[in-house]
Structure formats: C-alpha cells, structure tokens
C-alpha cells in the first residue's frame, strides 16, 4: 500500500510573493520555514504538511484556467465558517463547482482548494 507524502510544491508568478505570503501566513495561519532557495517559500500547516511555493517567470506557470484542470487540494479546519469568511475577506476567487456542500476557491496564483470540516468525511 502507498500513501501520499506530506510535501507538495507549485509555481506562482514572482510578483505575487507578498500576497501569497499573506494568504498562507495570515489567512491560513501556516508557519514560515527556512528555505534553501531565494525563489522558494515553505509553509507548514498545523498537521506538519509542507507546501513549497516557487516564485517564477510567466513561462513557468499554469494560467488560472489551467489550474481548474489541474489537481485540486483540500483544506480542513475545525471552524469552516470562520475560515471561509477570512478567505472571502482576503478576496479569493470562488470556483463554481457541482458540489455545493463545500466552498471551492482559487488561492493567489490560481491553485484550487476546497474547504472542509476536519471531521467531515469525504
């Protein structure tokens, strides 16, 4: 049997660095980690999941539309409504999706997430 590891990375336009930092540090309350590269920021979630965000030139990026066709991730929280409000206040772009039981959105740079309760099953 295999498992998914606790590290992931994606690329974001270099001009979005401060907005991305604010999103992960202020809105999602991740912890910043020391990075081995100047174009990489590492964010640790409360469950020790580590997200690496590389800041790149446009030619190395997916478009917002392409992110809708890429992998989507889930963020779990014990207070969905409070986090959803912080996300909306921050200005994330809501994604219209057939599953209306969850809030789907694009983070700065286009990556798609869905918001779910920690004990909410699938």
Foldseek 3Di string as FASTA:
>chain_A
DDDDDLEEEDEFAQVCVVLQCCCQCPLQVWDWDDDPDPQWTWTAHPVRRIYIYGHDHPVRADDLVVLVVDDEEEDEDQDQVVSVVSCVVSPWAWDDDPPPVWTWTAGRRRHIYIYYYPPGDD
